[in-house]
């Protein structure tokens, strides 16, 4: 399992201090461009982002008052949709109305829902680790996730837990 953290540049500190730190403390693998020295130097940032999203199983969209002006967040959502990654949006106070294309997936709007989201990720991660011990280690955990637990199932479970069905 690997979470790609999608955010607007102005929200980098929030992404680092809140979400990346939480994922790191829980032992989750994640990608945050602020920790990638190659991306800022690249002439083909889109290809690098695409590679990172393909290597991820999840996309976490940080939605704040800054997100509306982003060109990269919708790009990352589109790539994640094509990759069949699980997508969850966390919306913050003062954020504008959520764009319609993000309403398809679960939306975290409170600390309680964020705790549920982390709990579900942890369960998924534990299940993958347990199953991976019982199968050929040559299979990646990401491909195992895609075959044993679809994005739609994960989204529906979170939406039910958040009361969004």
Foldseek 3Di string as FASTA:
>chain_A
DEEEEAEDPVCLVVCVPPVVVVCVVLVHHYDDCVPPPVLVVDPCNLVVLLVRLLVHQEYEYEFAQPCVPDPVRVSSVVSNVVSQHAYEYEYDPRGPPDDPVRLVFHYHDDPVLVVVVVVVVSVLVVVLVVVCVVDDVVDDSSVVCVVPPGSVNVRVVSCVVVVND
